[in-house]
Amino acid sequence: MTPDIVEAMHRLQDRSSAKRRSAAKRLRQLGDPSAGPALLEALKNEVRDPRTWETQYQMTMALGTCGSPSDLAYLRDLVLQRGTPDAVRCAGGDAVVRLSHMEQSHTEAIRWCLDTGDETLAEGALQAMAMLRLVPDRETVAHVLDHVEDRPPHDWLRFWPAVAAAGWTGERVHGFLTSCASGPRADVAEAATTSLAGNYGTYRPL
């Protein structure tokens, strides 16, 4: 364990929410699994205070890069709780897919997030799918497209599937990307155009 990781883990207990948030962001960047248990405990303490949702968001995102599949039960429970902030549910969807990917159960995790009916949770799951450049099986791709294809052209939930589809194949995928590329949302159109060329864009979620 490097001094940088040790210092960041120590700062997870700082009295200042801003410093705890900064520590979580640093651990998220480092992605060292040795920080996973400390992040999980810090998050459990942090969620007691609804005022610190930004810090909770960064801790949840960090858990997605440093945690293990054993953290999934807690995360799934957290995102389904009434009162969990939108940002934390989004980060939770991202973390659930990332940690599920470690045990090759990400397709089930993606479907689970979508099937909750929570669009914020779905956004996080789709974000992780795109950032990890996952190429799910045909049934899961169809499940994702079923969820977003008929949404209005301005709908924000189209963005991450448009990014992820760079590695997908099939007529339906091509039709979805073509529709997005000619749509009114500049960010979605740009992502779809990049994917139609078979390329993944560079994106940095907060």
C-alpha atoms as a PDB file:
ATOM      1  CA  MET A   1       0.000   0.000   0.000  1.00  0.00           C
ATOM      2  CA  THR A   2       1.564   3.264  -1.124  1.00  0.00           C
ATOM      3  CA  PRO A   3       1.842   6.374   1.097  1.00  0.00           C
ATOM      4  CA  ASP A   4      -0.558   8.165  -1.260  1.00  0.00           C
ATOM      5  CA  ILE A   5      -3.247   5.541  -0.648  1.00  0.00           C
ATOM      6  CA  VAL A   6      -2.614   5.488   3.102  1.00  0.00           C
ATOM      7  CA  GLU A   7      -2.945   9.271   3.284  1.00  0.00           C
ATOM      8  CA  ALA A   8      -6.167   9.294   1.250  1.00  0.00           C
ATOM      9  CA  MET A   9      -7.662   6.532   3.384  1.00  0.00           C
ATOM     10  CA  HIS A  10      -6.812   8.508   6.507  1.00  0.00           C
ATOM     11  CA  ARG A  11      -8.505  11.614   5.078  1.00  0.00           C
ATOM     12  CA  LEU A  12     -11.731   9.642   4.622  1.00  0.00           C
ATOM     13  CA  GLN A  13     -12.199  10.216   8.354  1.00  0.00           C
ATOM     14  CA  ASP A  14     -11.488  13.954   8.285  1.00  0.00           C
ATOM     15  CA  ARG A  15     -13.995  16.268   9.972  1.00  0.00           C
ATOM     16  CA  SER A  16     -14.307  18.261   6.745  1.00  0.00           C
ATOM     17  CA  SER A  17     -16.707  16.857   4.140  1.00  0.00           C
ATOM     18  CA  ALA A  18     -14.701  18.574   1.406  1.00  0.00           C
ATOM     19  CA  LYS A  19     -11.526  16.775   2.495  1.00  0.00           C
ATOM     20  CA  ARG A  20     -13.334  13.439   2.707  1.00  0.00           C
ATOM     21  CA  ARG A  21     -14.677  14.063  -0.792  1.00  0.00           C
ATOM     22  CA  SER A  22     -11.199  14.919  -2.083  1.00  0.00           C
ATOM     23  CA  ALA A  23      -9.837  11.718  -0.540  1.00  0.00           C
ATOM     24  CA  ALA A  24     -12.539   9.638  -2.221  1.00  0.00           C
ATOM     25  CA  LYS A  25     -11.806  11.246  -5.597  1.00  0.00           C
ATOM     26  CA  ARG A  26      -8.114  10.436  -5.181  1.00  0.00           C
ATOM     27  CA  LEU A  27      -8.823   6.812  -4.299  1.00  0.00           C
ATOM     28  CA  ARG A  28     -11.177   6.585  -7.263  1.00  0.00           C
ATOM     29  CA  GLN A  29      -8.311   7.693  -9.502  1.00  0.00           C
ATOM     30  CA  LEU A  30      -5.862   5.225  -7.970  1.00  0.00           C
ATOM     31  CA  GLY A  31      -8.280   2.290  -8.163  1.00  0.00           C
ATOM     32  CA  ASP A  32      -6.414   0.205  -5.600  1.00  0.00           C
ATOM     33  CA  PRO A  33      -8.533  -2.615  -4.105  1.00  0.00           C
ATOM     34  CA  SER A  34      -6.731  -2.276  -0.784  1.00  0.00           C
ATOM     35  CA  ALA A  35      -8.795   0.880  -0.218  1.00  0.00           C
ATOM     36  CA  GLY A  36     -12.104  -0.910  -0.766  1.00  0.00           C
ATOM     37  CA  PRO A  37     -12.920  -1.846   2.862  1.00  0.00           C
ATOM     38  CA  ALA A  38     -12.111   1.670   4.108  1.00  0.00           C
ATOM     39  CA  LEU A  39     -14.302   3.225   1.417  1.00  0.00           C
ATOM     40  CA  LEU A  40     -17.209   0.943   2.239  1.00  0.00           C
ATOM     41  CA  GLU A  41     -17.068   1.860   5.932  1.00  0.00           C
ATOM     42  CA  ALA A  42     -16.681   5.546   5.120  1.00  0.00           C
ATOM     43  CA  LEU A  43     -19.702   5.441   2.819  1.00  0.00           C
ATOM     44  CA  LYS A  44     -21.822   3.706   5.446  1.00  0.00           C
ATOM     45  CA  ASN A  45     -21.042   6.544   7.835  1.00  0.00           C
ATOM     46  CA  GLU A  46     -21.432   9.269   5.203  1.00  0.00           C
ATOM     47  CA  VAL A  47     -24.942   8.342   4.099  1.00  0.00           C
ATOM     48  CA  ARG A  48     -26.242   9.212   7.553  1.00  0.00           C
ATOM     49  CA  ASP A  49     -25.991  12.894   6.634  1.00  0.00           C
ATOM     50  CA  PRO A  50     -28.094  13.838   3.583  1.00  0.00           C
ATOM     51  CA  ARG A  51     -26.302  17.175   3.349  1.00  0.00           C
ATOM     52  CA  THR A  52     -23.086  15.534   2.135  1.00  0.00           C
ATOM     53  CA  TRP A  53     -24.508  13.968  -1.036  1.00  0.00           C
ATOM     54  CA  GLU A  54     -21.551  15.173  -3.135  1.00  0.00           C
ATOM     55  CA  THR A  55     -19.142  13.341  -0.857  1.00  0.00           C
ATOM     56  CA  GLN A  56     -21.387  10.274  -0.897  1.00  0.00           C
ATOM     57  CA  TYR A  57     -21.324  10.387  -4.696  1.00  0.00           C
ATOM     58  CA  GLN A  58     -17.527  10.356  -4.846  1.00  0.00           C
ATOM     59  CA  MET A  59     -17.265   7.596  -2.251  1.00  0.00           C
ATOM     60  CA  THR A  60     -19.724   5.461  -4.191  1.00  0.00           C
ATOM     61  CA  MET A  61     -17.875   6.023  -7.464  1.00  0.00           C
ATOM     62  CA  ALA A  62     -14.592   5.215  -5.717  1.00  0.00           C
ATOM     63  CA  LEU A  63     -16.069   2.004  -4.335  1.00  0.00           C
ATOM     64  CA  GLY A  64     -16.844   1.027  -7.919  1.00  0.00           C
ATOM     65  CA  THR A  65     -13.138   1.198  -8.815  1.00  0.00           C
ATOM     66  CA  CYS A  66     -11.679  -0.066  -5.530  1.00  0.00           C
ATOM     67  CA  GLY A  67     -14.318  -2.386  -4.121  1.00  0.00           C
ATOM     68  CA  SER A  68     -15.144  -6.051  -4.625  1.00  0.00           C
ATOM     69  CA  PRO A  69     -18.269  -8.052  -5.551  1.00  0.00           C
ATOM     70  CA  SER A  70     -18.865  -8.580  -1.842  1.00  0.00           C
ATOM     71  CA  ASP A  71     -19.926  -4.903  -1.695  1.00  0.00           C
ATOM     72  CA  LEU A  72     -22.768  -5.414  -4.158  1.00  0.00           C
ATOM     73  CA  ALA A  73     -25.417  -6.359  -1.601  1.00  0.00           C
ATOM     74  CA  TYR A  74     -24.876  -3.110   0.282  1.00  0.00           C
ATOM     75  CA  LEU A  75     -24.875  -1.011  -2.895  1.00  0.00           C
ATOM     76  CA  ARG A  76     -28.044  -2.588  -4.253  1.00  0.00           C
ATOM     77  CA  ASP A  77     -29.786  -1.957  -0.965  1.00  0.00           C
ATOM     78  CA  LEU A  78     -28.520   1.642  -0.843  1.00  0.00           C
ATOM     79  CA  VAL A  79     -29.769   2.619  -4.291  1.00  0.00           C
ATOM     80  CA  LEU A  80     -33.241   1.216  -3.570  1.00  0.00           C
ATOM     81  CA  GLN A  81     -33.691   3.068  -0.302  1.00  0.00           C
ATOM     82  CA  ARG A  82     -36.162   5.929  -0.270  1.00  0.00           C
ATOM     83  CA  GLY A  83     -34.341   9.183   0.290  1.00  0.00           C
ATOM     84  CA  THR A  84     -31.061   8.168  -1.328  1.00  0.00           C
ATOM     85  CA  PRO A  85     -29.989  11.246  -3.339  1.00  0.00           C
ATOM     86  CA  ASP A  86     -30.188  11.115  -7.127  1.00  0.00           C
ATOM     87  CA  ALA A  87     -26.424  11.558  -7.500  1.00  0.00           C
ATOM     88  CA  VAL A  88     -25.747   8.628  -5.181  1.00  0.00           C
ATOM     89  CA  ARG A  89     -28.203   6.394  -7.047  1.00  0.00           C
ATOM     90  CA  CYS A  90     -26.476   7.274 -10.309  1.00  0.00           C
ATOM     91  CA  ALA A  91     -23.068   6.483  -8.824  1.00  0.00           C
ATOM     92  CA  GLY A  92     -24.541   3.315  -7.360  1.00  0.00           C
ATOM     93  CA  GLY A  93     -25.681   2.122 -10.772  1.00  0.00           C
ATOM     94  CA  ASP A  94     -22.180   2.723 -12.099  1.00  0.00           C
ATOM     95  CA  ALA A  95     -20.564   0.900  -9.173  1.00  0.00           C
ATOM     96  CA  VAL A  96     -22.953  -2.063  -9.337  1.00  0.00           C
ATOM     97  CA  VAL A  97     -22.073  -2.703 -12.983  1.00  0.00           C
ATOM     98  CA  ARG A  98     -18.339  -2.239 -12.406  1.00  0.00           C
ATOM     99  CA  LEU A  99     -18.192  -4.628  -9.468  1.00  0.00           C
ATOM    100  CA  SER A 100     -20.450  -7.135 -11.232  1.00  0.00           C
ATOM    101  CA  HIS A 101     -18.082  -7.024 -14.193  1.00  0.00           C
ATOM    102  CA  MET A 102     -15.370  -8.394 -11.906  1.00  0.00           C
ATOM    103  CA  GLU A 103     -17.329 -11.645 -11.585  1.00  0.00           C
ATOM    104  CA  GLN A 104     -18.706 -11.563 -15.148  1.00  0.00           C
ATOM    105  CA  SER A 105     -22.270 -10.893 -14.007  1.00  0.00           C
ATOM    106  CA  HIS A 106     -22.497  -7.421 -15.540  1.00  0.00           C
ATOM    107  CA  THR A 107     -25.249  -8.316 -18.003  1.00  0.00           C
ATOM    108  CA  GLU A 108     -27.534  -9.279 -15.133  1.00  0.00           C
ATOM    109  CA  ALA A 109     -26.535  -6.095 -13.299  1.00  0.00           C
ATOM    110  CA  ILE A 110     -27.330  -3.889 -16.294  1.00  0.00           C
ATOM    111  CA  ARG A 111     -30.743  -5.494 -16.677  1.00  0.00           C
ATOM    112  CA  TRP A 112     -31.424  -5.222 -12.954  1.00  0.00           C
ATOM    113  CA  CYS A 113     -30.669  -1.487 -12.936  1.00  0.00           C
ATOM    114  CA  LEU A 114     -32.863  -0.871 -15.974  1.00  0.00           C
ATOM    115  CA  ASP A 115     -35.707  -2.989 -14.647  1.00  0.00           C
ATOM    116  CA  THR A 116     -35.969  -1.044 -11.384  1.00  0.00           C
ATOM    117  CA  GLY A 117     -37.634   1.722 -13.386  1.00  0.00           C
ATOM    118  CA  ASP A 118     -35.316   4.273 -11.777  1.00  0.00           C
ATOM    119  CA  GLU A 119     -33.905   6.374 -14.619  1.00  0.00           C
ATOM    120  CA  THR A 120     -31.124   7.826 -12.482  1.00  0.00           C
ATOM    121  CA  LEU A 121     -29.948   4.365 -11.498  1.00  0.00           C
ATOM    122  CA  ALA A 122     -30.214   3.305 -15.137  1.00  0.00           C
ATOM    123  CA  GLU A 123     -28.075   6.262 -16.186  1.00  0.00           C
ATOM    124  CA  GLY A 124     -25.289   5.129 -13.866  1.00  0.00           C
ATOM    125  CA  ALA A 125     -25.425   1.571 -15.166  1.00  0.00           C
ATOM    126  CA  LEU A 126     -25.348   2.714 -18.795  1.00  0.00           C
ATOM    127  CA  GLN A 127     -22.479   5.069 -17.987  1.00  0.00           C
ATOM    128  CA  ALA A 128     -20.382   2.209 -16.581  1.00  0.00           C
ATOM    129  CA  MET A 129     -21.280   0.025 -19.549  1.00  0.00           C
ATOM    130  CA  ALA A 130     -19.967   2.713 -21.905  1.00  0.00           C
ATOM    131  CA  MET A 131     -16.854   3.587 -19.898  1.00  0.00           C
ATOM    132  CA  LEU A 132     -15.885  -0.091 -19.596  1.00  0.00           C
ATOM    133  CA  ARG A 133     -16.591  -0.538 -23.324  1.00  0.00           C
ATOM    134  CA  LEU A 134     -18.691  -3.592 -22.620  1.00  0.00           C
ATOM    135  CA  VAL A 135     -20.041  -5.637 -25.510  1.00  0.00           C
ATOM    136  CA  PRO A 136     -22.984  -7.526 -23.972  1.00  0.00           C
ATOM    137  CA  ASP A 137     -24.784 -10.453 -25.542  1.00  0.00           C
ATOM    138  CA  ARG A 138     -27.502  -9.737 -28.115  1.00  0.00           C
ATOM    139  CA  GLU A 139     -30.303 -10.146 -25.597  1.00  0.00           C
ATOM    140  CA  THR A 140     -28.826  -7.527 -23.274  1.00  0.00           C
ATOM    141  CA  VAL A 141     -28.150  -5.131 -26.149  1.00  0.00           C
ATOM    142  CA  ALA A 142     -31.801  -5.539 -27.156  1.00  0.00           C
ATOM    143  CA  HIS A 143     -32.847  -4.935 -23.546  1.00  0.00           C
ATOM    144  CA  VAL A 144     -30.878  -1.676 -23.475  1.00  0.00           C
ATOM    145  CA  LEU A 145     -32.292  -0.528 -26.808  1.00  0.00           C
ATOM    146  CA  ASP A 146     -35.805  -1.420 -25.689  1.00  0.00           C
ATOM    147  CA  HIS A 147     -35.237   0.945 -22.802  1.00  0.00           C
ATOM    148  CA  VAL A 148     -33.960   3.938 -24.781  1.00  0.00           C
ATOM    149  CA  GLU A 149     -34.845   3.587 -28.449  1.00  0.00           C
ATOM    150  CA  ASP A 150     -38.361   5.020 -28.313  1.00  0.00           C
ATOM    151  CA  ARG A 151     -37.476   7.923 -26.041  1.00  0.00           C
ATOM    152  CA  PRO A 152     -37.795  11.465 -27.406  1.00  0.00           C
ATOM    153  CA  PRO A 153     -34.773  12.705 -29.418  1.00  0.00           C
ATOM    154  CA  HIS A 154     -33.846  15.127 -26.621  1.00  0.00           C
ATOM    155  CA  ASP A 155     -33.846  12.453 -23.916  1.00  0.00           C
ATOM    156  CA  TRP A 156     -30.589  12.414 -21.946  1.00  0.00           C
ATOM    157  CA  LEU A 157     -30.718   8.634 -21.377  1.00  0.00           C
ATOM    158  CA  ARG A 158     -29.774   8.062 -25.032  1.00  0.00           C
ATOM    159  CA  PHE A 159     -26.241   9.386 -24.530  1.00  0.00           C
ATOM    160  CA  TRP A 160     -24.392   6.509 -22.863  1.00  0.00           C
ATOM    161  CA  PRO A 161     -25.863   3.773 -25.091  1.00  0.00           C
ATOM    162  CA  ALA A 162     -24.792   5.885 -28.084  1.00  0.00           C
ATOM    163  CA  VAL A 163     -21.262   5.873 -26.660  1.00  0.00           C
ATOM    164  CA  ALA A 164     -21.259   2.173 -25.760  1.00  0.00           C
ATOM    165  CA  ALA A 165     -22.592   1.040 -29.138  1.00  0.00           C
ATOM    166  CA  ALA A 166     -19.238   1.695 -30.822  1.00  0.00           C
ATOM    167  CA  GLY A 167     -18.418  -1.962 -30.186  1.00  0.00           C
ATOM    168  CA  TRP A 168     -21.870  -3.381 -30.916  1.00  0.00           C
ATOM    169  CA  THR A 169     -23.120  -4.865 -34.167  1.00  0.00           C
ATOM    170  CA  GLY A 170     -26.437  -5.486 -35.894  1.00  0.00           C
ATOM    171  CA  GLU A 171     -28.999  -3.622 -37.959  1.00  0.00           C
ATOM    172  CA  ARG A 172     -30.941  -2.438 -34.936  1.00  0.00           C
ATOM    173  CA  VAL A 173     -27.811  -0.961 -33.377  1.00  0.00           C
ATOM    174  CA  HIS A 174     -26.954   0.795 -36.632  1.00  0.00           C
ATOM    175  CA  GLY A 175     -30.483   2.172 -36.870  1.00  0.00           C
ATOM    176  CA  PHE A 176     -30.340   3.487 -33.311  1.00  0.00           C
ATOM    177  CA  LEU A 177     -27.010   5.210 -33.904  1.00  0.00           C
ATOM    178  CA  THR A 178     -28.171   6.671 -37.210  1.00  0.00           C
ATOM    179  CA  SER A 179     -31.244   8.087 -35.517  1.00  0.00           C
ATOM    180  CA  CYS A 180     -29.144   9.574 -32.699  1.00  0.00           C
ATOM    181  CA  ALA A 181     -26.607  11.031 -35.135  1.00  0.00           C
ATOM    182  CA  SER A 182     -29.327  13.012 -36.891  1.00  0.00           C
ATOM    183  CA  GLY A 183     -31.069  14.052 -33.688  1.00  0.00           C
ATOM    184  CA  PRO A 184     -31.269  17.493 -32.060  1.00  0.00           C
ATOM    185  CA  ARG A 185     -29.018  16.833 -29.039  1.00  0.00           C
ATOM    186  CA  ALA A 186     -25.461  17.771 -29.951  1.00  0.00           C
ATOM    187  CA  ASP A 187     -23.811  15.536 -27.339  1.00  0.00           C
ATOM    188  CA  VAL A 188     -25.812  12.466 -28.356  1.00  0.00           C
ATOM    189  CA  ALA A 189     -25.323  13.175 -32.074  1.00  0.00           C
ATOM    190  CA  GLU A 190     -21.569  13.522 -31.631  1.00  0.00           C
ATOM    191  CA  ALA A 191     -21.338  10.304 -29.611  1.00  0.00           C
ATOM    192  CA  ALA A 192     -23.393   8.401 -32.175  1.00  0.00           C
ATOM    193  CA  THR A 193     -21.346   9.710 -35.102  1.00  0.00           C
ATOM    194  CA  THR A 194     -18.159   8.608 -33.359  1.00  0.00           C
ATOM    195  CA  SER A 195     -19.641   5.171 -32.668  1.00  0.00           C
ATOM    196  CA  LEU A 196     -20.821   4.765 -36.265  1.00  0.00           C
ATOM    197  CA  ALA A 197     -17.171   5.142 -37.264  1.00  0.00           C
ATOM    198  CA  GLY A 198     -16.318   2.295 -34.874  1.00  0.00           C
ATOM    199  CA  ASN A 199     -14.522   4.559 -32.419  1.00  0.00           C
ATOM    200  CA  TYR A 200     -14.973   5.172 -28.709  1.00  0.00           C
ATOM    201  CA  GLY A 201     -14.905   8.777 -27.614  1.00  0.00           C
ATOM    202  CA  THR A 202     -13.090  10.045 -24.539  1.00  0.00           C
ATOM    203  CA  TYR A 203     -15.392  10.964 -21.673  1.00  0.00           C
ATOM    204  CA  ARG A 204     -14.758  11.809 -18.021  1.00  0.00           C
ATOM    205  CA  PRO A 205     -17.783  11.466 -15.725  1.00  0.00           C
ATOM    206  CA  LEU A 206     -17.663  13.764 -12.700  1.00  0.00           C
END
